[in-house]
PDB file of N, CA and C in Angstrom:
ATOM      1  N   UNK A   1     -18.667 -10.811  -7.617  1.00  0.00           N
ATOM      2  CA  UNK A   1     -19.267 -11.083  -6.308  1.00  0.00           C
ATOM      3  C   UNK A   1     -18.933  -9.075  -5.889  1.00  0.00           C
ATOM      4  N   UNK A   2     -20.225  -8.362  -5.208  1.00  0.00           N
ATOM      5  CA  UNK A   2     -19.723  -6.922  -4.968  1.00  0.00           C
ATOM      6  C   UNK A   2     -19.203  -7.120  -3.823  1.00  0.00           C
ATOM      7  N   UNK A   3     -18.927  -5.702  -3.352  1.00  0.00           N
ATOM      8  CA  UNK A   3     -17.623  -5.947  -1.896  1.00  0.00           C
ATOM      9  C   UNK A   3     -18.339  -5.420  -1.173  1.00  0.00           C
ATOM     10  N   UNK A   4     -17.864  -5.712  -0.213  1.00  0.00           N
ATOM     11  CA  UNK A   4     -18.820  -5.364   1.164  1.00  0.00           C
ATOM     12  C   UNK A   4     -17.722  -4.100   1.901  1.00  0.00           C
ATOM     13  N   UNK A   5     -18.422  -3.086   2.325  1.00  0.00           N
ATOM     14  CA  UNK A   5     -17.887  -2.549   2.609  1.00  0.00           C
ATOM     15  C   UNK A   5     -18.220  -1.802   4.349  1.00  0.00           C
ATOM     16  N   UNK A   6     -16.736  -2.029   4.443  1.00  0.00           N
ATOM     17  CA  UNK A   6     -17.427  -1.690   6.177  1.00  0.00           C
ATOM     18  C   UNK A   6     -17.657  -0.338   6.780  1.00  0.00           C
ATOM     19  N   UNK A   7     -18.598   0.620   7.204  1.00  0.00           N
ATOM     20  CA  UNK A   7     -18.640   1.932   8.112  1.00  0.00           C
ATOM     21  C   UNK A   7     -18.316   1.465   9.121  1.00  0.00           C
ATOM     22  N   UNK A   8     -18.186   2.620  10.009  1.00  0.00           N
ATOM     23  CA  UNK A   8     -18.317   3.418  11.710  1.00  0.00           C
ATOM     24  C   UNK A   8     -16.981   2.197  11.409  1.00  0.00           C
ATOM     25  N   UNK A   9     -16.349   2.401  11.333  1.00  0.00           N
ATOM     26  CA  UNK A   9     -14.904   1.501  11.934  1.00  0.00           C
ATOM     27  C   UNK A   9     -13.990   1.832  12.720  1.00  0.00           C
ATOM     28  N   UNK A  10     -13.301   1.369  13.523  1.00  0.00           N
ATOM     29  CA  UNK A  10     -12.363   2.174  14.475  1.00  0.00           C
ATOM     30  C   UNK A  10     -10.974   1.055  14.565  1.00  0.00           C
ATOM     31  N   UNK A  11      -9.988   2.576  14.301  1.00  0.00           N
ATOM     32  CA  UNK A  11      -8.329   2.275  13.941  1.00  0.00           C
ATOM     33  C   UNK A  11      -8.456   1.176  15.093  1.00  0.00           C
ATOM     34  N   UNK A  12      -8.225   0.585  16.072  1.00  0.00           N
ATOM     35  CA  UNK A  12      -8.266  -1.024  16.801  1.00  0.00           C
ATOM     36  C   UNK A  12      -8.889  -2.115  16.222  1.00  0.00           C
ATOM     37  N   UNK A  13     -10.224  -2.412  15.785  1.00  0.00           N
ATOM     38  CA  UNK A  13     -10.635  -3.149  15.155  1.00  0.00           C
ATOM     39  C   UNK A  13     -10.090  -4.206  14.764  1.00  0.00           C
ATOM     40  N   UNK A  14      -9.858  -5.064  14.650  1.00  0.00           N
ATOM     41  CA  UNK A  14      -9.555  -5.728  13.646  1.00  0.00           C
ATOM     42  C   UNK A  14     -10.155  -5.695  12.250  1.00  0.00           C
ATOM     43  N   UNK A  15     -10.885  -5.637  11.301  1.00  0.00           N
ATOM     44  CA  UNK A  15     -10.989  -5.232   9.999  1.00  0.00           C
ATOM     45  C   UNK A  15     -10.541  -4.062   9.201  1.00  0.00           C
ATOM     46  N   UNK A  16      -9.733  -3.029  10.058  1.00  0.00           N
ATOM     47  CA  UNK A  16      -9.146  -2.562  10.321  1.00  0.00           C
ATOM     48  C   UNK A  16      -7.439  -2.627  10.348  1.00  0.00           C
ATOM     49  N   UNK A  17      -6.864  -3.488  11.105  1.00  0.00           N
ATOM     50  CA  UNK A  17      -5.383  -3.534  11.715  1.00  0.00           C
ATOM     51  C   UNK A  17      -4.829  -4.818  11.074  1.00  0.00           C
ATOM     52  N   UNK A  18      -5.836  -6.172   9.980  1.00  0.00           N
ATOM     53  CA  UNK A  18      -5.651  -7.306   9.162  1.00  0.00           C
ATOM     54  C   UNK A  18      -5.506  -6.912   7.920  1.00  0.00           C
ATOM     55  N   UNK A  19      -5.108  -7.660   7.461  1.00  0.00           N
ATOM     56  CA  UNK A  19      -5.157  -7.676   6.235  1.00  0.00           C
ATOM     57  C   UNK A  19      -5.671  -8.771   5.484  1.00  0.00           C
ATOM     58  N   UNK A  20      -7.119  -8.540   4.981  1.00  0.00           N
ATOM     59  CA  UNK A  20      -8.539  -8.916   4.265  1.00  0.00           C
ATOM     60  C   UNK A  20      -8.422  -8.776   3.136  1.00  0.00           C
ATOM     61  N   UNK A  21      -8.693 -10.394   2.899  1.00  0.00           N
ATOM     62  CA  UNK A  21      -8.594 -10.235   0.779  1.00  0.00           C
ATOM     63  C   UNK A  21      -9.997 -10.659   0.430  1.00  0.00           C
ATOM     64  N   UNK A  22      -9.951 -10.168  -0.807  1.00  0.00           N
ATOM     65  CA  UNK A  22     -11.494 -10.230  -0.439  1.00  0.00           C
ATOM     66  C   UNK A  22     -12.190  -8.545  -1.031  1.00  0.00           C
ATOM     67  N   UNK A  23     -12.862  -8.911  -1.304  1.00  0.00           N
ATOM     68  CA  UNK A  23     -13.984  -7.426  -1.575  1.00  0.00           C
ATOM     69  C   UNK A  23     -14.536  -6.841  -0.458  1.00  0.00           C
ATOM     70  N   UNK A  24     -13.215  -6.619   0.225  1.00  0.00           N
ATOM     71  CA  UNK A  24     -13.420  -5.833   1.700  1.00  0.00           C
ATOM     72  C   UNK A  24     -12.994  -4.288   2.276  1.00  0.00           C
ATOM     73  N   UNK A  25     -13.631  -3.067   1.896  1.00  0.00           N
ATOM     74  CA  UNK A  25     -13.168  -2.587   2.685  1.00  0.00           C
ATOM     75  C   UNK A  25     -13.572  -2.010   3.714  1.00  0.00           C
ATOM     76  N   UNK A  26     -12.744  -1.432   4.896  1.00  0.00           N
ATOM     77  CA  UNK A  26     -13.026  -0.513   5.639  1.00  0.00           C
ATOM     78  C   UNK A  26     -13.305   0.989   4.997  1.00  0.00           C
ATOM     79  N   UNK A  27     -14.155   1.942   5.183  1.00  0.00           N
ATOM     80  CA  UNK A  27     -14.136   3.015   4.949  1.00  0.00           C
ATOM     81  C   UNK A  27     -13.863   3.946   5.702  1.00  0.00           C
ATOM     82  N   UNK A  28     -13.579   5.422   6.308  1.00  0.00           N
ATOM     83  CA  UNK A  28     -13.646   6.110   7.484  1.00  0.00           C
ATOM     84  C   UNK A  28     -13.643   7.891   6.894  1.00  0.00           C
ATOM     85  N   UNK A  29     -14.693   8.057   7.048  1.00  0.00           N
ATOM     86  CA  UNK A  29     -14.132  10.058   6.494  1.00  0.00           C
ATOM     87  C   UNK A  29     -13.591  10.572   7.260  1.00  0.00           C
ATOM     88  N   UNK A  30     -12.529  11.397   6.909  1.00  0.00           N
ATOM     89  CA  UNK A  30     -11.033  12.784   7.481  1.00  0.00           C
ATOM     90  C   UNK A  30     -11.752  13.265   7.302  1.00  0.00           C
ATOM     91  N   UNK A  31     -11.452  15.039   8.002  1.00  0.00           N
ATOM     92  CA  UNK A  31     -11.683  15.880   7.759  1.00  0.00           C
ATOM     93  C   UNK A  31     -10.501  16.805   7.379  1.00  0.00           C
ATOM     94  N   UNK A  32      -9.394  16.166   8.036  1.00  0.00           N
ATOM     95  CA  UNK A  32      -8.216  17.165   7.068  1.00  0.00           C
ATOM     96  C   UNK A  32      -7.062  15.797   6.651  1.00  0.00           C
ATOM     97  N   UNK A  33      -6.295  16.258   5.560  1.00  0.00           N
ATOM     98  CA  UNK A  33      -5.948  15.626   4.676  1.00  0.00           C
ATOM     99  C   UNK A  33      -4.595  14.493   5.804  1.00  0.00           C
ATOM    100  N   UNK A  34      -4.046  15.440   6.825  1.00  0.00           N
ATOM    101  CA  UNK A  34      -3.086  15.175   7.558  1.00  0.00           C
ATOM    102  C   UNK A  34      -3.210  14.203   8.683  1.00  0.00           C
ATOM    103  N   UNK A  35      -4.949  14.086   9.099  1.00  0.00           N
ATOM    104  CA  UNK A  35      -5.657  13.148   9.621  1.00  0.00           C
ATOM    105  C   UNK A  35      -5.479  11.665   9.490  1.00  0.00           C
ATOM    106  N   UNK A  36      -5.003  11.849   8.297  1.00  0.00           N
ATOM    107  CA  UNK A  36      -5.760   9.998   7.932  1.00  0.00           C
ATOM    108  C   UNK A  36      -4.256   8.927   7.866  1.00  0.00           C
ATOM    109  N   UNK A  37      -3.467   9.952   7.212  1.00  0.00           N
ATOM    110  CA  UNK A  37      -2.160   9.244   7.280  1.00  0.00           C
ATOM    111  C   UNK A  37      -1.499   8.829   8.049  1.00  0.00           C
ATOM    112  N   UNK A  38      -1.374   9.418   9.838  1.00  0.00           N
ATOM    113  CA  UNK A  38      -1.086   7.892  11.271  1.00  0.00           C
ATOM    114  C   UNK A  38      -1.802   6.834  10.785  1.00  0.00           C
ATOM    115  N   UNK A  39      -3.443   7.497  10.691  1.00  0.00           N
ATOM    116  CA  UNK A  39      -4.513   5.938  11.037  1.00  0.00           C
ATOM    117  C   UNK A  39      -4.339   5.460   9.683  1.00  0.00           C
ATOM    118  N   UNK A  40      -4.143   5.482   8.653  1.00  0.00           N
ATOM    119  CA  UNK A  40      -3.731   4.161   7.694  1.00  0.00           C
ATOM    120  C   UNK A  40      -2.380   3.915   7.263  1.00  0.00           C
ATOM    121  N   UNK A  41      -1.310   4.433   8.302  1.00  0.00           N
ATOM    122  CA  UNK A  41      -0.141   3.988   8.313  1.00  0.00           C
ATOM    123  C   UNK A  41      -0.069   3.012   9.566  1.00  0.00           C
ATOM    124  N   UNK A  42      -1.101   2.908  10.690  1.00  0.00           N
ATOM    125  CA  UNK A  42      -0.368   2.152  12.119  1.00  0.00           C
ATOM    126  C   UNK A  42      -0.895   0.910  11.847  1.00  0.00           C
ATOM    127  N   UNK A  43      -0.482   0.213  10.470  1.00  0.00           N
ATOM    128  CA  UNK A  43      -0.997  -1.391  10.066  1.00  0.00           C
ATOM    129  C   UNK A  43       0.613  -2.047  10.138  1.00  0.00           C
ATOM    130  N   UNK A  44       0.513  -3.432  10.560  1.00  0.00           N
ATOM    131  CA  UNK A  44       1.558  -4.099  10.277  1.00  0.00           C
ATOM    132  C   UNK A  44       1.414  -4.491   8.630  1.00  0.00           C
ATOM    133  N   UNK A  45       0.648  -4.091   7.903  1.00  0.00           N
ATOM    134  CA  UNK A  45       0.316  -4.843   6.765  1.00  0.00           C
ATOM    135  C   UNK A  45       0.669  -3.326   5.456  1.00  0.00           C
ATOM    136  N   UNK A  46       0.546  -3.519   4.723  1.00  0.00           N
ATOM    137  CA  UNK A  46       0.866  -2.432   3.356  1.00  0.00           C
ATOM    138  C   UNK A  46       0.820  -3.054   2.016  1.00  0.00           C
ATOM    139  N   UNK A  47      -0.287  -4.221   1.685  1.00  0.00           N
ATOM    140  CA  UNK A  47      -0.504  -4.304   0.160  1.00  0.00           C
ATOM    141  C   UNK A  47      -0.914  -3.311  -0.436  1.00  0.00           C
ATOM    142  N   UNK A  48      -1.973  -3.021  -0.641  1.00  0.00           N
ATOM    143  CA  UNK A  48      -2.331  -1.635  -1.062  1.00  0.00           C
ATOM    144  C   UNK A  48      -3.048  -1.069  -0.721  1.00  0.00           C
ATOM    145  N   UNK A  49      -3.436   0.492  -1.076  1.00  0.00           N
ATOM    146  CA  UNK A  49      -4.242   0.867  -0.605  1.00  0.00           C
ATOM    147  C   UNK A  49      -5.392   1.738  -1.647  1.00  0.00           C
ATOM    148  N   UNK A  50      -5.985   2.620  -1.092  1.00  0.00           N
ATOM    149  CA  UNK A  50      -6.637   3.562  -2.402  1.00  0.00           C
ATOM    150  C   UNK A  50      -7.040   5.021  -1.242  1.00  0.00           C
ATOM    151  N   UNK A  51      -7.317   5.422  -2.831  1.00  0.00           N
ATOM    152  CA  UNK A  51      -7.486   7.245  -2.496  1.00  0.00           C
ATOM    153  C   UNK A  51      -8.710   7.574  -3.147  1.00  0.00           C
ATOM    154  N   UNK A  52      -9.630   8.211  -2.808  1.00  0.00           N
ATOM    155  CA  UNK A  52     -10.264   8.460  -3.802  1.00  0.00           C
ATOM    156  C   UNK A  52     -10.700  10.439  -3.135  1.00  0.00           C
ATOM    157  N   UNK A  53     -10.482  11.431  -4.401  1.00  0.00           N
ATOM    158  CA  UNK A  53     -10.710  12.304  -3.990  1.00  0.00           C
ATOM    159  C   UNK A  53     -10.477  12.937  -5.588  1.00  0.00           C
ATOM    160  N   UNK A  54     -11.203  13.754  -5.082  1.00  0.00           N
ATOM    161  CA  UNK A  54     -11.691  15.434  -6.633  1.00  0.00           C
ATOM    162  C   UNK A  54      -9.922  15.900  -7.120  1.00  0.00           C
ATOM    163  N   UNK A  55      -9.140  15.996  -6.230  1.00  0.00           N
ATOM    164  CA  UNK A  55      -7.931  17.094  -5.372  1.00  0.00           C
ATOM    165  C   UNK A  55      -6.795  15.789  -6.247  1.00  0.00           C
ATOM    166  N   UNK A  56      -6.320  16.287  -7.326  1.00  0.00           N
ATOM    167  CA  UNK A  56      -5.325  15.057  -7.756  1.00  0.00           C
ATOM    168  C   UNK A  56      -3.955  15.196  -6.889  1.00  0.00           C
ATOM    169  N   UNK A  57      -3.580  16.860  -6.681  1.00  0.00           N
ATOM    170  CA  UNK A  57      -2.438  17.297  -5.798  1.00  0.00           C
ATOM    171  C   UNK A  57      -2.842  16.264  -4.906  1.00  0.00           C
ATOM    172  N   UNK A  58      -3.663  16.614  -4.024  1.00  0.00           N
ATOM    173  CA  UNK A  58      -3.741  15.737  -3.010  1.00  0.00           C
ATOM    174  C   UNK A  58      -3.674  14.153  -3.074  1.00  0.00           C
ATOM    175  N   UNK A  59      -4.062  13.321  -3.817  1.00  0.00           N
ATOM    176  CA  UNK A  59      -4.114  12.586  -4.002  1.00  0.00           C
ATOM    177  C   UNK A  59      -2.540  11.747  -4.370  1.00  0.00           C
ATOM    178  N   UNK A  60      -1.937  12.517  -4.778  1.00  0.00           N
ATOM    179  CA  UNK A  60      -0.350  12.199  -5.132  1.00  0.00           C
ATOM    180  C   UNK A  60       0.454  12.473  -3.693  1.00  0.00           C
ATOM    181  N   UNK A  61       0.236  14.062  -2.972  1.00  0.00           N
ATOM    182  CA  UNK A  61       0.545  13.751  -1.902  1.00  0.00           C
ATOM    183  C   UNK A  61       0.594  12.967  -0.554  1.00  0.00           C
ATOM    184  N   UNK A  62      -0.813  11.940  -0.763  1.00  0.00           N
ATOM    185  CA  UNK A  62      -1.216  11.372   0.555  1.00  0.00           C
ATOM    186  C   UNK A  62      -0.446   9.723  -0.492  1.00  0.00           C
ATOM    187  N   UNK A  63      -0.731   9.622  -1.760  1.00  0.00           N
ATOM    188  CA  UNK A  63       0.121   7.859  -2.021  1.00  0.00           C
ATOM    189  C   UNK A  63       1.520   7.761  -1.612  1.00  0.00           C
ATOM    190  N   UNK A  64       1.945   9.778  -2.093  1.00  0.00           N
ATOM    191  CA  UNK A  64       3.708   9.108  -1.373  1.00  0.00           C
ATOM    192  C   UNK A  64       3.538   9.182  -0.331  1.00  0.00           C
ATOM    193  N   UNK A  65       2.692   8.915   0.358  1.00  0.00           N
ATOM    194  CA  UNK A  65       3.367   9.156   2.467  1.00  0.00           C
ATOM    195  C   UNK A  65       2.860   7.677   2.969  1.00  0.00           C
ATOM    196  N   UNK A  66       1.949   7.312   1.654  1.00  0.00           N
ATOM    197  CA  UNK A  66       1.442   5.645   2.380  1.00  0.00           C
ATOM    198  C   UNK A  66       2.322   4.605   2.015  1.00  0.00           C
ATOM    199  N   UNK A  67       2.027   3.708   2.787  1.00  0.00           N
ATOM    200  CA  UNK A  67       3.256   2.605   3.083  1.00  0.00           C
ATOM    201  C   UNK A  67       2.255   1.541   2.767  1.00  0.00           C
ATOM    202  N   UNK A  68       2.670   1.593   1.617  1.00  0.00           N
ATOM    203  CA  UNK A  68       1.411   0.705   0.664  1.00  0.00           C
ATOM    204  C   UNK A  68       2.467   0.328  -0.970  1.00  0.00           C
ATOM    205  N   UNK A  69       2.503  -1.007  -0.594  1.00  0.00           N
ATOM    206  CA  UNK A  69       3.472  -1.167  -2.561  1.00  0.00           C
ATOM    207  C   UNK A  69       2.672  -0.855  -3.470  1.00  0.00           C
ATOM    208  N   UNK A  70       1.065  -0.411  -3.643  1.00  0.00           N
ATOM    209  CA  UNK A  70       0.138  -0.411  -4.475  1.00  0.00           C
ATOM    210  C   UNK A  70      -0.624   1.197  -3.808  1.00  0.00           C
ATOM    211  N   UNK A  71      -0.908   2.146  -5.067  1.00  0.00           N
ATOM    212  CA  UNK A  71      -1.865   3.162  -4.398  1.00  0.00           C
ATOM    213  C   UNK A  71      -2.387   3.369  -5.724  1.00  0.00           C
ATOM    214  N   UNK A  72      -3.693   3.135  -5.077  1.00  0.00           N
ATOM    215  CA  UNK A  72      -4.679   3.415  -6.427  1.00  0.00           C
ATOM    216  C   UNK A  72      -5.393   4.649  -6.285  1.00  0.00           C
ATOM    217  N   UNK A  73      -5.477   5.080  -7.200  1.00  0.00           N
ATOM    218  CA  UNK A  73      -6.586   6.581  -7.107  1.00  0.00           C
ATOM    219  C   UNK A  73      -7.319   7.016  -8.131  1.00  0.00           C
ATOM    220  N   UNK A  74      -8.256   6.787  -7.099  1.00  0.00           N
ATOM    221  CA  UNK A  74      -9.584   6.949  -7.938  1.00  0.00           C
ATOM    222  C   UNK A  74     -10.447   5.774  -9.011  1.00  0.00           C
ATOM    223  N   UNK A  75      -9.428   4.813  -8.593  1.00  0.00           N
ATOM    224  CA  UNK A  75      -9.857   3.033  -9.073  1.00  0.00           C
ATOM    225  C   UNK A  75      -9.663   2.508  -7.564  1.00  0.00           C
ATOM    226  N   UNK A  76      -9.479   1.244  -8.662  1.00  0.00           N
ATOM    227  CA  UNK A  76      -9.251   0.349  -7.332  1.00  0.00           C
ATOM    228  C   UNK A  76      -9.037  -1.494  -8.048  1.00  0.00           C
ATOM    229  N   UNK A  77      -7.532  -1.920  -7.999  1.00  0.00           N
ATOM    230  CA  UNK A  77      -7.571  -3.728  -8.168  1.00  0.00           C
ATOM    231  C   UNK A  77      -7.545  -3.713  -9.675  1.00  0.00           C
ATOM    232  N   UNK A  78      -6.783  -2.467 -10.670  1.00  0.00           N
ATOM    233  CA  UNK A  78      -6.169  -2.415 -11.509  1.00  0.00           C
ATOM    234  C   UNK A  78      -5.435  -2.892 -11.544  1.00  0.00           C
ATOM    235  N   UNK A  79      -4.243  -3.491 -12.835  1.00  0.00           N
ATOM    236  CA  UNK A  79      -2.906  -4.611 -12.676  1.00  0.00           C
ATOM    237  C   UNK A  79      -2.734  -4.222 -14.191  1.00  0.00           C
ATOM    238  N   UNK A  80      -1.131  -4.238 -14.394  1.00  0.00           N
ATOM    239  CA  UNK A  80      -0.437  -3.894 -15.183  1.00  0.00           C
ATOM    240  C   UNK A  80       0.681  -4.943 -15.379  1.00  0.00           C
ATOM    241  N   UNK A  81       1.140  -6.553 -16.193  1.00  0.00           N
ATOM    242  CA  UNK A  81       2.045  -7.159 -15.875  1.00  0.00           C
ATOM    243  C   UNK A  81       3.802  -6.388 -16.458  1.00  0.00           C
ATOM    244  N   UNK A  82       3.539  -5.121 -16.040  1.00  0.00           N
ATOM    245  CA  UNK A  82       4.940  -4.463 -16.458  1.00  0.00           C
ATOM    246  C   UNK A  82       5.132  -3.667 -15.724  1.00  0.00           C
ATOM    247  N   UNK A  83       4.191  -3.852 -14.695  1.00  0.00           N
ATOM    248  CA  UNK A  83       4.389  -3.194 -13.081  1.00  0.00           C
ATOM    249  C   UNK A  83       5.136  -3.924 -12.091  1.00  0.00           C
ATOM    250  N   UNK A  84       5.653  -3.468 -11.013  1.00  0.00           N
ATOM    251  CA  UNK A  84       5.835  -4.596 -10.195  1.00  0.00           C
ATOM    252  C   UNK A  84       4.464  -3.738  -8.827  1.00  0.00           C
ATOM    253  N   UNK A  85       4.503  -4.868  -8.277  1.00  0.00           N
ATOM    254  CA  UNK A  85       3.269  -5.372  -7.082  1.00  0.00           C
ATOM    255  C   UNK A  85       4.345  -6.523  -6.437  1.00  0.00           C
ATOM    256  N   UNK A  86       4.057  -5.983  -5.021  1.00  0.00           N
ATOM    257  CA  UNK A  86       4.382  -6.375  -3.337  1.00  0.00           C
ATOM    258  C   UNK A  86       3.723  -5.339  -2.620  1.00  0.00           C
ATOM    259  N   UNK A  87       3.668  -5.819  -1.533  1.00  0.00           N
ATOM    260  CA  UNK A  87       3.628  -5.101  -0.541  1.00  0.00           C
ATOM    261  C   UNK A  87       4.571  -4.898   0.017  1.00  0.00           C
ATOM    262  N   UNK A  88       4.233  -3.611   1.320  1.00  0.00           N
ATOM    263  CA  UNK A  88       5.521  -2.903   2.401  1.00  0.00           C
ATOM    264  C   UNK A  88       4.783  -4.346   3.460  1.00  0.00           C
ATOM    265  N   UNK A  89       6.022  -3.771   4.320  1.00  0.00           N
ATOM    266  CA  UNK A  89       6.011  -4.254   6.081  1.00  0.00           C
ATOM    267  C   UNK A  89       5.420  -6.070   6.158  1.00  0.00           C
ATOM    268  N   UNK A  90       4.832  -6.703   6.322  1.00  0.00           N
ATOM    269  CA  UNK A  90       4.140  -8.038   7.190  1.00  0.00           C
ATOM    270  C   UNK A  90       3.167  -8.746   5.734  1.00  0.00           C
ATOM    271  N   UNK A  91       2.937  -7.264   4.205  1.00  0.00           N
ATOM    272  CA  UNK A  91       2.236  -7.569   3.697  1.00  0.00           C
ATOM    273  C   UNK A  91       3.025  -8.850   2.250  1.00  0.00           C
ATOM    274  N   UNK A  92       4.399  -8.931   2.504  1.00  0.00           N
ATOM    275  CA  UNK A  92       5.122  -9.586   1.121  1.00  0.00           C
ATOM    276  C   UNK A  92       6.320  -9.170   1.347  1.00  0.00           C
ATOM    277  N   UNK A  93       7.549 -10.005   0.380  1.00  0.00           N
ATOM    278  CA  UNK A  93       8.397  -9.858   0.297  1.00  0.00           C
ATOM    279  C   UNK A  93       9.153  -9.779  -1.189  1.00  0.00           C
ATOM    280  N   UNK A  94       9.952  -8.641  -1.401  1.00  0.00           N
ATOM    281  CA  UNK A  94       9.561  -8.860  -3.046  1.00  0.00           C
ATOM    282  C   UNK A  94       8.648  -8.342  -3.979  1.00  0.00           C
ATOM    283  N   UNK A  95       9.039  -8.167  -5.225  1.00  0.00           N
ATOM    284  CA  UNK A  95       7.997  -7.994  -6.109  1.00  0.00           C
ATOM    285  C   UNK A  95       7.433  -8.929  -6.886  1.00  0.00           C
ATOM    286  N   UNK A  96       6.379  -9.410  -7.341  1.00  0.00           N
ATOM    287  CA  UNK A  96       5.958  -9.706  -8.348  1.00  0.00           C
ATOM    288  C   UNK A  96       6.236  -8.533  -9.395  1.00  0.00           C
ATOM    289  N   UNK A  97       6.347  -9.471 -11.035  1.00  0.00           N
ATOM    290  CA  UNK A  97       5.905  -8.795 -12.138  1.00  0.00           C
ATOM    291  C   UNK A  97       6.829  -7.196 -12.529  1.00  0.00           C
ATOM    292  N   UNK A  98       6.846  -7.408 -13.739  1.00  0.00           N
ATOM    293  CA  UNK A  98       7.978  -5.839 -13.722  1.00  0.00           C
ATOM    294  C   UNK A  98       8.819  -6.235 -13.763  1.00  0.00           C
ATOM    295  N   UNK A  99       9.920  -5.017 -13.923  1.00  0.00           N
ATOM    296  CA  UNK A  99      11.229  -5.956 -13.768  1.00  0.00           C
ATOM    297  C   UNK A  99      11.756  -5.930 -12.289  1.00  0.00           C
ATOM    298  N   UNK A 100      11.257  -5.327 -11.534  1.00  0.00           N
ATOM    299  CA  UNK A 100      11.838  -5.471 -10.481  1.00  0.00           C
ATOM    300  C   UNK A 100      11.685  -6.833  -9.990  1.00  0.00           C
ATOM    301  N   UNK A 101      11.196  -7.832 -10.166  1.00  0.00           N
ATOM    302  CA  UNK A 101      10.972  -8.906  -9.738  1.00  0.00           C
ATOM    303  C   UNK A 101      12.405  -9.691 -10.175  1.00  0.00           C
ATOM    304  N   UNK A 102      13.159  -9.292 -11.223  1.00  0.00           N
ATOM    305  CA  UNK A 102      14.620  -9.524 -11.401  1.00  0.00           C
ATOM    306  C   UNK A 102      15.601  -9.523  -9.791  1.00  0.00           C
ATOM    307  N   UNK A 103      14.659  -8.708  -8.754  1.00  0.00           N
ATOM    308  CA  UNK A 103      16.025  -8.755  -8.020  1.00  0.00           C
ATOM    309  C   UNK A 103      15.066  -9.433  -6.821  1.00  0.00           C
ATOM    310  N   UNK A 104      14.507 -10.752  -6.692  1.00  0.00           N
ATOM    311  CA  UNK A 104      14.427 -11.726  -6.390  1.00  0.00           C
ATOM    312  C   UNK A 104      15.247 -12.975  -6.699  1.00  0.00           C
ATOM    313  N   UNK A 105      16.205 -12.570  -7.691  1.00  0.00           N
ATOM    314  CA  UNK A 105      16.955 -13.999  -8.207  1.00  0.00           C
ATOM    315  C   UNK A 105      18.081 -13.106  -7.821  1.00  0.00           C
ATOM    316  N   UNK A 106      18.802 -11.958  -7.711  1.00  0.00           N
ATOM    317  CA  UNK A 106      20.020 -11.635  -7.553  1.00  0.00           C
ATOM    318  C   UNK A 106      20.783 -11.780  -6.451  1.00  0.00           C
ATOM    319  N   UNK A 107      21.544 -11.832  -6.120  1.00  0.00           N
ATOM    320  CA  UNK A 107      22.718 -12.331  -4.792  1.00  0.00           C
ATOM    321  C   UNK A 107      23.928 -10.866  -5.050  1.00  0.00           C
ATOM    322  N   UNK A 108      22.837 -10.036  -4.346  1.00  0.00           N
ATOM    323  CA  UNK A 108      24.030  -8.274  -4.772  1.00  0.00           C
ATOM    324  C   UNK A 108      25.322  -8.495  -3.229  1.00  0.00           C
ATOM    325  N   UNK A 109      26.306  -8.346  -3.480  1.00  0.00           N
ATOM    326  CA  UNK A 109      27.357  -8.113  -3.147  1.00  0.00           C
ATOM    327  C   UNK A 109      28.220  -6.788  -3.011  1.00  0.00           C
ATOM    328  N   UNK A 110      28.133  -6.780  -1.722  1.00  0.00           N
ATOM    329  CA  UNK A 110      29.387  -5.038  -1.801  1.00  0.00           C
ATOM    330  C   UNK A 110      30.658  -5.873  -1.268  1.00  0.00           C
ATOM    331  N   UNK A 111      31.741  -4.914  -2.096  1.00  0.00           N
ATOM    332  CA  UNK A 111      33.196  -5.481  -1.394  1.00  0.00           C
ATOM    333  C   UNK A 111      33.741  -3.566  -1.278  1.00  0.00           C
ATOM    334  N   UNK A 112      34.342  -3.257  -0.047  1.00  0.00           N
ATOM    335  CA  UNK A 112      35.234  -2.128   0.947  1.00  0.00           C
ATOM    336  C   UNK A 112      36.220  -2.714   0.788  1.00  0.00           C
ATOM    337  N   UNK A 113      36.777  -1.812   0.025  1.00  0.00           N
ATOM    338  CA  UNK A 113      38.561  -2.007   0.394  1.00  0.00           C
ATOM    339  C   UNK A 113      38.993  -0.690   0.312  1.00  0.00           C
ATOM    340  N   UNK A 114      39.909  -0.870   1.567  1.00  0.00           N
ATOM    341  CA  UNK A 114      40.689   0.194   1.609  1.00  0.00           C
ATOM    342  C   UNK A 114      42.259   0.198   1.300  1.00  0.00           C
ATOM    343  N   UNK A 115      42.532   1.272   0.120  1.00  0.00           N
ATOM    344  CA  UNK A 115      43.900   0.878  -0.749  1.00  0.00           C
ATOM    345  C   UNK A 115      44.233   1.964  -0.222  1.00  0.00           C
ATOM    346  N   UNK A 116      44.908   2.444   1.426  1.00  0.00           N
ATOM    347  CA  UNK A 116      45.812   3.205   1.060  1.00  0.00           C
ATOM    348  C   UNK A 116      46.164   2.588   1.737  1.00  0.00           C
TER     349      UNK A 116
END
């Protein structure tokens, strides 16, 4: 199935604010690297994000600051069973796959003692 590419979108539109499952992308051009991050992170969801650029430094700076569980650079929808998968914010709890999945089954306890 070919992806649906939505253009001419605005930040307040449901297609930009909500998590749509399916081959759908809301594409938005931007002029400066600093301009896209507030818009991209201004959502309740953060399962995945994609950065497409010729500048690998810009790609990694942007990926580091995106609030998404997976960030693809110059590709999309690539998975590996050894890598953790899960979202930020309302896009999931915990991680699937990879060693991070074991944290879902752990009960961590902190004990603080004053021995003075």
